[in-house]
N, C-alpha and C. Protein backbone atom coordinates (compact mmCIF):
# COMPACT_ATOMS: atom_id res chain seq x y z
N MET A 1 86.63 84.52 108.52
CA MET A 1 87.71 85.82 108.59
C MET A 1 87.07 86.93 108.51
N THR A 2 87.77 87.51 109.43
CA THR A 2 87.46 88.64 109.82
C THR A 2 88.76 89.69 108.61
N PRO A 3 88.15 91.21 109.14
CA PRO A 3 88.66 91.89 107.89
C PRO A 3 90.35 91.85 108.30
N TYR A 4 90.27 91.69 109.76
CA TYR A 4 91.99 92.28 109.91
C TYR A 4 92.26 91.48 110.19
N ILE A 5 92.34 90.29 110.17
CA ILE A 5 93.18 89.59 109.80
C ILE A 5 92.84 89.38 107.79
N ARG A 6 92.04 89.53 106.88
CA ARG A 6 92.12 89.65 105.78
C ARG A 6 93.39 90.78 105.45
N LEU A 7 93.33 91.81 106.58
CA LEU A 7 94.42 93.24 105.93
C LEU A 7 96.03 92.84 105.96
N ALA A 8 95.59 91.75 107.90
CA ALA A 8 97.65 91.35 107.60
C ALA A 8 97.62 90.17 106.87
N GLU A 9 97.05 89.35 105.79
CA GLU A 9 97.09 88.67 104.90
C GLU A 9 98.15 88.94 103.71
N LEU A 10 97.11 90.30 103.56
CA LEU A 10 98.00 91.83 102.32
C LEU A 10 99.03 92.09 102.72
N GLY A 11 99.54 92.16 104.15
CA GLY A 11 100.03 92.74 104.63
C GLY A 11 100.27 94.11 104.80
N LEU A 12 98.83 94.28 104.93
CA LEU A 12 98.66 95.43 105.17
C LEU A 12 98.37 96.46 106.95
N THR A 13 98.60 97.04 107.22
CA THR A 13 97.41 97.56 108.39
C THR A 13 97.12 99.20 108.15
N LEU A 14 96.58 98.75 108.95
CA LEU A 14 95.85 100.34 108.67
C LEU A 14 96.45 101.47 110.36
N PRO A 15 96.39 102.41 109.52
CA PRO A 15 96.80 103.88 109.55
C PRO A 15 96.28 105.08 110.54
N GLU A 16 97.12 105.08 111.31
CA GLU A 16 95.39 106.68 111.65
C GLU A 16 94.65 107.17 110.63
N PRO A 17 93.79 107.26 111.21
CA PRO A 17 92.68 108.19 110.44
C PRO A 17 93.22 109.28 109.60
N PRO A 18 92.95 110.08 108.70
CA PRO A 18 94.07 111.17 108.06
C PRO A 18 93.29 112.33 108.86
N THR A 19 93.52 113.50 109.37
CA THR A 19 92.95 114.59 109.72
C THR A 19 92.08 115.32 108.37
N PRO A 20 90.77 115.44 108.84
CA PRO A 20 90.28 116.53 107.90
C PRO A 20 90.82 118.05 107.13
N ILE A 21 91.09 117.93 106.07
CA ILE A 21 92.18 119.50 104.81
C ILE A 21 91.35 120.15 105.76
N ALA A 22 89.77 120.82 105.87
CA ALA A 22 88.61 122.05 105.78
C ALA A 22 87.70 121.70 106.94
N ASN A 23 87.22 122.94 106.79
CA ASN A 23 86.30 122.78 107.89
C ASN A 23 84.62 121.29 107.59
N PHE A 24 85.26 120.06 107.40
CA PHE A 24 84.41 118.96 107.36
C PHE A 24 85.00 118.07 109.33
N VAL A 25 84.28 116.91 109.35
CA VAL A 25 84.24 115.81 109.97
C VAL A 25 84.62 114.43 108.61
N THR A 26 85.74 113.58 109.45
CA THR A 26 86.29 112.07 109.15
C THR A 26 84.80 111.52 108.19
N HIS A 27 83.59 111.63 108.98
CA HIS A 27 82.28 110.61 108.99
C HIS A 27 81.59 111.20 109.39
N ALA A 28 80.14 110.74 109.00
CA ALA A 28 78.96 111.42 109.89
C ALA A 28 77.58 109.81 109.71
N GLU A 29 77.29 110.04 110.24
CA GLU A 29 76.64 108.62 111.22
C GLU A 29 75.25 109.27 110.66
N SER A 30 74.03 108.37 110.33
CA SER A 30 73.29 108.56 110.15
C SER A 30 72.11 107.07 110.08
N GLY A 31 70.90 106.85 110.88
CA GLY A 31 70.65 105.63 111.59
C GLY A 31 72.03 104.05 111.43
N ARG A 32 72.15 103.18 110.36
CA ARG A 32 72.98 102.44 109.93
C ARG A 32 73.82 102.63 108.97
N LEU A 33 73.35 104.04 109.27
CA LEU A 33 74.62 103.81 106.92
C LEU A 33 75.78 105.36 107.92
N ILE A 34 77.04 104.82 108.01
CA ILE A 34 77.80 106.05 107.90
C ILE A 34 78.53 106.33 106.55
N PHE A 35 78.21 108.34 106.57
CA PHE A 35 79.35 108.43 105.32
C PHE A 35 80.32 109.47 104.89
N LEU A 36 81.23 109.32 105.10
CA LEU A 36 83.20 108.81 104.60
C LEU A 36 82.89 109.62 103.66
N SER A 37 83.69 110.73 104.39
CA SER A 37 84.19 112.40 103.70
C SER A 37 85.33 111.66 102.25
N GLY A 38 85.43 112.43 101.44
CA GLY A 38 86.54 111.95 100.55
C GLY A 38 87.70 111.87 101.10
N GLN A 39 88.92 110.53 101.09
CA GLN A 39 90.02 110.67 101.87
C GLN A 39 90.95 110.09 99.85
N GLY A 40 92.53 111.26 100.54
CA GLY A 40 93.62 110.78 99.07
C GLY A 40 94.44 109.86 99.55
N PRO A 41 95.35 109.36 98.58
CA PRO A 41 96.24 108.74 99.17
C PRO A 41 97.36 109.30 99.59
N LEU A 42 97.60 109.59 101.03
CA LEU A 42 97.93 109.86 101.34
C LEU A 42 99.22 108.68 101.95
N ARG A 43 100.57 109.25 102.46
CA ARG A 43 101.49 108.11 102.62
C ARG A 43 101.69 107.76 103.76
N ALA A 44 101.67 107.10 104.68
CA ALA A 44 102.39 106.83 106.20
C ALA A 44 103.17 107.37 106.10
N ASP A 45 104.59 108.13 105.76
CA ASP A 45 104.82 109.51 105.89
C ASP A 45 104.75 111.15 105.46
N GLY A 46 103.01 110.86 105.76
CA GLY A 46 103.00 112.12 105.69
C GLY A 46 102.61 112.83 104.20
N THR A 47 103.68 111.85 102.81
CA THR A 47 103.26 112.17 101.85
C THR A 47 102.34 111.88 101.56
N LEU A 48 101.74 112.68 99.91
CA LEU A 48 100.50 112.65 98.69
C LEU A 48 101.06 112.15 97.54
N CYS A 49 99.81 111.52 97.45
CA CYS A 49 101.01 111.08 95.71
C CYS A 49 100.06 111.38 94.69
N THR A 50 100.25 113.09 94.21
CA THR A 50 100.12 113.63 93.63
C THR A 50 100.51 113.62 91.69
N GLY A 51 100.29 113.86 90.91
CA GLY A 51 100.06 113.91 89.11
C GLY A 51 99.27 114.38 89.04
N LYS A 52 99.23 114.27 87.22
CA LYS A 52 97.50 114.15 86.79
C LYS A 52 98.35 112.91 85.79
N VAL A 53 96.48 112.08 86.19
CA VAL A 53 96.62 110.75 85.19
C VAL A 53 96.31 110.69 84.23
N GLY A 54 97.91 110.11 83.87
CA GLY A 54 97.19 110.10 81.51
C GLY A 54 99.03 111.45 81.16
N GLU A 55 99.02 111.90 82.31
CA GLU A 55 100.02 113.14 81.65
C GLU A 55 101.70 112.65 82.63
N ASP A 56 101.08 112.81 84.24
CA ASP A 56 102.38 112.40 85.21
C ASP A 56 102.44 110.97 85.52
N VAL A 57 101.30 110.41 85.96
CA VAL A 57 101.11 110.18 86.30
C VAL A 57 100.31 108.06 85.51
N THR A 58 101.33 107.40 85.98
CA THR A 58 100.57 105.55 84.96
C THR A 58 99.14 104.54 85.26
N VAL A 59 98.24 104.72 84.87
CA VAL A 59 96.97 103.71 85.04
C VAL A 59 97.51 103.20 86.24
N GLU A 60 98.47 102.21 86.13
CA GLU A 60 99.45 101.60 87.02
C GLU A 60 99.45 101.98 88.34
N GLU A 61 100.05 103.32 88.95
CA GLU A 61 100.26 104.28 89.94
C GLU A 61 98.84 103.97 90.01
N ALA A 62 98.85 105.19 89.48
CA ALA A 62 97.56 105.52 90.64
C ALA A 62 96.05 104.56 90.74
N TYR A 63 96.39 103.11 90.14
CA TYR A 63 95.21 102.50 91.17
C TYR A 63 95.61 101.73 92.28
N LYS A 64 96.77 102.17 91.82
CA LYS A 64 97.72 101.67 93.50
C LYS A 64 98.40 103.17 94.69
N HIS A 65 97.22 104.19 94.27
CA HIS A 65 97.31 105.66 94.95
C HIS A 65 94.82 105.32 95.43
N ALA A 66 94.45 105.22 94.32
CA ALA A 66 93.68 104.55 94.44
C ALA A 66 93.55 103.64 95.84
N ARG A 67 94.12 102.33 95.76
CA ARG A 67 93.89 101.10 97.32
C ARG A 67 94.81 102.24 98.08
N LEU A 68 96.25 102.82 97.81
CA LEU A 68 96.30 103.70 99.68
C LEU A 68 94.59 104.23 100.24
N THR A 69 94.19 105.00 99.06
CA THR A 69 93.03 105.44 99.80
C THR A 69 92.16 104.92 100.07
N GLY A 70 91.96 103.87 99.59
CA GLY A 70 91.76 102.68 100.00
C GLY A 70 90.82 102.68 101.91
N LEU A 71 92.99 102.07 102.03
CA LEU A 71 93.13 102.26 102.86
C LEU A 71 93.49 103.13 104.09
N ASN A 72 93.20 103.71 103.34
CA ASN A 72 92.88 105.51 104.56
C ASN A 72 91.29 105.40 104.78
N LEU A 73 90.20 104.75 103.87
CA LEU A 73 88.80 104.86 104.25
C LEU A 73 88.94 104.11 104.46
N LEU A 74 89.75 102.97 105.00
CA LEU A 74 89.13 102.06 106.58
C LEU A 74 89.95 101.70 107.73
N ALA A 75 91.20 102.96 107.35
CA ALA A 75 91.04 103.16 108.76
C ALA A 75 89.93 104.18 109.26
N VAL A 76 89.58 105.33 108.44
CA VAL A 76 88.33 106.50 108.61
C VAL A 76 87.00 105.02 110.00
N MET A 77 86.97 104.28 108.64
CA MET A 77 85.88 103.36 108.99
C MET A 77 86.25 102.44 109.88
N HIS A 78 87.62 102.23 110.58
CA HIS A 78 87.64 101.37 111.73
C HIS A 78 87.27 102.29 112.80
N ALA A 79 87.92 103.92 112.84
CA ALA A 79 87.55 104.61 114.41
C ALA A 79 86.35 105.16 113.34
N ALA A 80 85.10 105.01 112.67
CA ALA A 80 83.67 105.31 113.01
C ALA A 80 83.06 104.32 112.82
N ALA A 81 82.35 102.47 112.90
CA ALA A 81 82.36 102.02 113.78
C ALA A 81 82.48 101.19 114.57
N GLY A 82 83.95 101.36 115.16
CA GLY A 82 84.93 100.96 116.78
C GLY A 82 85.29 99.48 116.17
N ASP A 83 84.94 99.43 114.45
CA ASP A 83 85.16 97.76 114.74
C ASP A 83 84.62 97.79 113.62
N LEU A 84 85.62 96.54 112.28
CA LEU A 84 85.58 96.88 111.22
C LEU A 84 84.36 95.73 110.71
N GLY A 85 85.09 94.81 111.98
CA GLY A 85 83.33 92.83 111.40
C GLY A 85 81.93 93.65 112.19
N ARG A 86 81.46 95.27 112.20
CA ARG A 86 80.24 95.80 112.18
C ARG A 86 79.71 95.87 111.30
N ILE A 87 80.75 96.14 110.06
CA ILE A 87 80.79 96.82 108.67
C ILE A 87 79.58 95.57 108.49
N VAL A 88 78.17 95.87 107.87
CA VAL A 88 77.39 94.66 106.90
C VAL A 88 77.84 94.51 105.98
N ARG A 89 78.05 96.53 105.09
CA ARG A 89 77.37 95.95 103.46
C ARG A 89 78.53 97.68 103.19
N VAL A 90 79.18 97.62 102.18
CA VAL A 90 79.81 99.03 102.05
C VAL A 90 78.70 98.98 100.92
N VAL A 91 78.17 100.10 101.19
CA VAL A 91 77.11 99.89 100.33
C VAL A 91 77.74 101.27 98.66
N LYS A 92 78.72 101.99 98.48
CA LYS A 92 78.23 102.91 97.57
C LYS A 92 80.61 103.92 98.19
N LEU A 93 81.04 103.68 97.14
CA LEU A 93 82.27 104.16 96.83
C LEU A 93 81.53 105.48 95.43
N LEU A 94 82.40 106.88 95.19
CA LEU A 94 82.41 107.94 94.29
C LEU A 94 83.88 108.01 93.88
N GLY A 95 84.47 107.69 92.94
CA GLY A 95 85.73 107.92 92.82
C GLY A 95 86.17 108.94 92.43
N PHE A 96 86.59 109.89 92.44
CA PHE A 96 87.06 111.27 91.79
C PHE A 96 88.98 111.22 91.32
N VAL A 97 89.16 111.25 89.68
CA VAL A 97 90.91 110.66 89.67
C VAL A 97 90.97 112.07 88.53
N ASN A 98 92.16 112.41 88.97
CA ASN A 98 92.97 114.19 88.67
C ASN A 98 93.34 113.84 87.35
N ALA A 99 92.93 114.15 85.80
CA ALA A 99 93.39 113.04 85.22
C ALA A 99 92.93 114.19 83.66
N ILE A 100 93.57 114.10 82.52
CA ILE A 100 94.03 115.21 81.69
C ILE A 100 92.60 114.53 81.02
N PRO A 101 92.67 116.14 80.61
CA PRO A 101 90.48 116.10 78.98
C PRO A 101 90.44 114.40 78.84
N THR A 102 91.70 114.42 78.18
CA THR A 102 91.41 113.05 76.95
C THR A 102 91.55 111.65 77.84
N PHE A 103 91.96 111.79 78.99
CA PHE A 103 91.43 109.86 80.14
C PHE A 103 91.11 109.75 79.76
N SER A 104 90.46 108.43 79.70
CA SER A 104 89.02 107.25 80.03
C SER A 104 89.21 106.54 80.89
N ASP A 105 90.46 106.31 81.24
CA ASP A 105 90.42 104.50 82.38
C ASP A 105 89.71 105.41 83.97
N HIS A 106 88.98 105.71 83.47
CA HIS A 106 88.76 106.55 85.41
C HIS A 106 88.82 105.43 86.51
N PRO A 107 87.68 104.28 85.22
CA PRO A 107 87.08 103.01 87.03
C PRO A 107 88.15 102.10 86.14
N LYS A 108 89.27 101.98 85.83
CA LYS A 108 90.54 100.99 86.29
C LYS A 108 91.41 101.56 87.24
N VAL A 109 91.43 102.54 87.42
CA VAL A 109 92.26 103.65 88.65
C VAL A 109 91.55 103.10 89.94
N VAL A 110 89.88 103.15 89.72
CA VAL A 110 89.32 103.35 91.22
C VAL A 110 89.43 102.59 91.23
N ASN A 111 89.42 101.15 90.78
CA ASN A 111 89.47 99.71 91.09
C ASN A 111 90.27 99.25 91.53
N GLY A 112 91.19 100.26 91.93
CA GLY A 112 92.03 99.93 93.58
C GLY A 112 91.95 99.69 94.34
N CYS A 113 90.56 100.43 94.70
CA CYS A 113 89.74 100.69 96.46
C CYS A 113 88.94 99.43 96.25
N SER A 114 87.95 99.63 95.00
CA SER A 114 87.06 98.19 95.00
C SER A 114 88.11 97.69 94.72
N ASP A 115 88.86 96.95 94.47
CA ASP A 115 89.51 95.62 94.53
C ASP A 115 89.86 95.22 95.82
N LEU A 116 90.78 96.48 97.38
CA LEU A 116 90.98 96.09 97.91
C LEU A 116 89.38 96.53 98.91
N PHE A 117 88.23 96.45 98.94
CA PHE A 117 87.47 96.60 99.16
C PHE A 117 86.60 95.04 99.74
N ALA A 118 86.60 94.44 98.08
CA ALA A 118 86.67 92.66 98.08
C ALA A 118 87.18 91.95 98.44
N ALA A 119 88.53 92.12 99.15
CA ALA A 119 89.71 91.06 99.72
C ALA A 119 88.75 91.56 100.97
N VAL A 120 89.03 92.64 101.81
CA VAL A 120 89.04 93.18 103.02
C VAL A 120 87.58 92.08 103.38
N PHE A 121 86.21 92.60 102.75
CA PHE A 121 84.86 92.76 103.07
C PHE A 121 84.50 90.62 102.62
N ASP A 122 85.07 90.45 101.30
CA ASP A 122 84.56 89.43 100.67
C ASP A 122 83.50 89.76 100.07
N SER A 123 82.17 89.17 100.20
CA SER A 123 81.17 89.31 99.27
C SER A 123 79.91 91.17 100.49
N ILE A 124 80.24 91.23 100.97
CA ILE A 124 79.88 92.54 101.71
C ILE A 124 81.03 93.81 101.12
N GLY A 125 81.63 93.36 100.04
CA GLY A 125 82.40 93.97 99.74
C GLY A 125 82.15 94.80 98.13
N GLY A 126 81.19 94.22 98.36
CA GLY A 126 80.66 94.69 96.33
C GLY A 126 80.46 95.91 96.42
N HIS A 127 79.65 96.58 96.12
CA HIS A 127 79.25 97.74 96.39
C HIS A 127 78.92 98.48 94.47
N ALA A 128 78.23 100.08 94.78
CA ALA A 128 77.48 100.28 93.74
C ALA A 128 78.40 101.49 93.56
N ARG A 129 79.32 102.45 92.45
CA ARG A 129 80.13 102.28 92.79
C ARG A 129 80.59 104.00 91.27
N SER A 130 80.85 104.72 91.80
CA SER A 130 80.75 106.11 89.79
C SER A 130 82.59 106.17 90.09
N ALA A 131 83.11 106.33 89.07
CA ALA A 131 84.13 106.86 89.15
C ALA A 131 84.24 107.85 87.97
N ILE A 132 85.06 108.98 88.61
CA ILE A 132 84.48 110.02 86.59
C ILE A 132 85.68 110.48 87.46
N GLY A 133 86.73 111.37 86.27
CA GLY A 133 87.19 112.70 85.75
C GLY A 133 87.40 113.63 85.90
N VAL A 134 88.29 114.82 87.06
CA VAL A 134 87.78 115.99 87.36
C VAL A 134 89.43 116.86 87.01
N GLY A 135 88.91 117.56 86.29
CA GLY A 135 89.91 118.72 86.00
C GLY A 135 91.17 118.99 87.48
N SER A 136 90.91 118.86 88.34
CA SER A 136 92.05 119.24 90.03
C SER A 136 91.12 118.67 91.07
N LEU A 137 92.26 117.85 91.98
CA LEU A 137 92.45 118.05 93.49
C LEU A 137 92.64 118.25 94.42
N PRO A 138 92.42 119.04 95.03
CA PRO A 138 93.04 119.57 96.42
C PRO A 138 94.68 119.08 96.74
N GLY A 139 95.23 119.62 96.88
CA GLY A 139 96.13 119.63 96.43
C GLY A 139 97.00 118.28 95.86
N ASN A 140 97.16 118.72 94.60
CA ASN A 140 96.81 118.61 93.39
C ASN A 140 97.07 116.58 93.47
N ILE A 141 96.07 116.21 94.17
CA ILE A 141 96.62 114.12 94.53
C ILE A 141 96.42 114.21 93.39
N THR A 142 95.80 112.57 93.12
CA THR A 142 95.81 111.95 92.28
C THR A 142 94.52 110.96 91.44
N VAL A 143 94.21 111.07 93.08
CA VAL A 143 92.49 110.60 93.71
C VAL A 143 91.93 110.84 94.97
N GLU A 144 90.67 111.39 94.90
CA GLU A 144 90.09 111.32 96.14
C GLU A 144 88.83 110.05 95.96
N ILE A 145 88.61 109.38 96.64
CA ILE A 145 87.85 108.14 97.01
C ILE A 145 86.28 108.70 97.90
N GLU A 146 85.34 108.86 98.43
CA GLU A 146 84.53 108.87 99.21
C GLU A 146 83.48 107.45 99.38
N ALA A 147 83.32 107.25 100.58
CA ALA A 147 81.99 106.07 100.35
C ALA A 147 80.78 106.02 101.98
N VAL A 148 80.74 104.73 102.03
CA VAL A 148 79.52 105.04 102.66
C VAL A 148 79.20 103.33 102.80
N ILE A 149 78.70 103.43 103.53
CA ILE A 149 79.12 102.41 104.72
C ILE A 149 77.57 101.80 105.64
N GLU A 150 77.18 100.46 105.96
CA GLU A 150 76.48 99.81 106.81
C GLU A 150 76.58 99.24 107.99
N ILE A 151 76.35 99.52 109.30
CA ILE A 151 76.86 98.98 109.95
C ILE A 151 75.80 98.30 110.76
N ALA A 152 76.47 97.21 111.33
CA ALA A 152 74.99 95.75 112.08
C ALA A 152 74.73 96.90 113.07
N ALA A 153 73.39 96.86 114.09
CA ALA A 153 72.33 97.68 114.76
C ALA A 153 73.00 97.42 116.14
């Protein structure tokens, strides 16, 4: 089953890849690795999910924001690789959670993205990962996630 069929079964469609908000590119390729710049929870209507997790935003809401961020990363993957079927491995995720200092459930939040990648890519979606809390993120977004993927030769 292809990643596109799995996305359809989840009721999801790929958005357009988000435009960078500063002086960087959405991805950089080196050999068979593609490094994806950090993406955030950008909705289809162009608005962002914002707030501080543990104060304005619950873990459950932030999980959904991380899932949305994962969908935006998938859009960048599609643009970078030309076809999600070329991806042979999701290598690494790095997730940043905009949270209050006492918040400690960062992994539960970033699972929103990890769970989506597992559902879309099956066994090749398993990855190394870090999930950390930060004091702020651009535009006060709740989560930012970057990824490294490997593509077929």
